[in-house]
């Protein structure tokens, strides 16, 4: 009696077969090589179709786990193009991390003949810094990659020990759990290229609006998560703060078929290089703020490209203009300059800043 092949064994057999091939393989080749997908001996077309559906389900589930099985078009010796599958080693294997120092030969090959050709050398001080950063991230309940940070921390602990003895304390925002749940939905939709509907509470409009967005990327900046994508309502690219979303819901029709393709000219790094106050929907006129900076802070602001020059005084102070799509991050930045910056106008922004200063002062009133 032949033992039944489990789903896990099917997955491992399929991955092992694909990772051992340098070139794409067809479905027929997979069915010949992977035991679980063997064709019926009597050529029963119904049984073959059932096996094919099982393969398609396995392929989707393996992709959902993050293993990048590619669907490619290829031809052999000038024949007609056909569809096949490929699992590239460079995408499947992570670089081998080699801790150097203490006389270790940096040119030595990765032990055990690691299948990845990439070897990343890391110095002890870099490894300790990475461990400390991972300790901090793993202790934050709302961090989206918390479990991944814990996994990486366990791996480093083999060489470096458990890390700092002092506890890392982090205070989550009240809505952190809700934001984390929304991020899971948005990330899954982004990976599957499915559109997302949600109700959005913008900073300018008095009432929320319903949005239908094709996600292009997720971005963490200035303590907040943002979604960048094409908004069907405005027929343009927009930026949305995740904590202002309500009930994001992906399109569940044709789950195995992408709804859209991310444009080739889209670059998430272009958004990452902006300041948090510059991120916004873009459909409303930005709030224009004028800020006076004392010398030498004025020199530091100029050299780092914050704002646009407006006025310069004889004492070295200067007034610069800012276009704001997010008010709170800007006010917190001004507060961090410890009185070396003063909001000139508009008056309503001055009042908001004064309120922020009072709240912070009250919060620390009892702290010597």
Foldseek 3Di string as FASTA:
>chain_A
DDDDQDLVNQLVQQVVVQAPDPDFDAPVVSCVRRPQNPADPVNPVVRNVVSVVVVVVSVVVVVVVPQDWDWDWDDDPPDDIDIGIHRYPQRHDDAAEDEDDPPDDPPDDDPPPPVDPHHDYDYPVRLLVLLVVLLQLLPDPLRLCNVVSVVVNVVSCVPVNNHDPDHHDDDDDPCSVVLSVLVVQVVSCQSQQWWKWWWFDAPPDPGIDIWIWRFDDWDQALNWIKTWTQTPVVRGIFIGTSVRTHDIDTDPPPSNDHPDDRDPPDDVVVVVPDHPFPHGGPPDFFDKWKKKFAPPVQVVCVVVVPAAFDAADPNGIGIGMDGGRDLVSVLVVVVVVPPRMATPDDPVSNVVSVVVVVVVCVVCVVPD
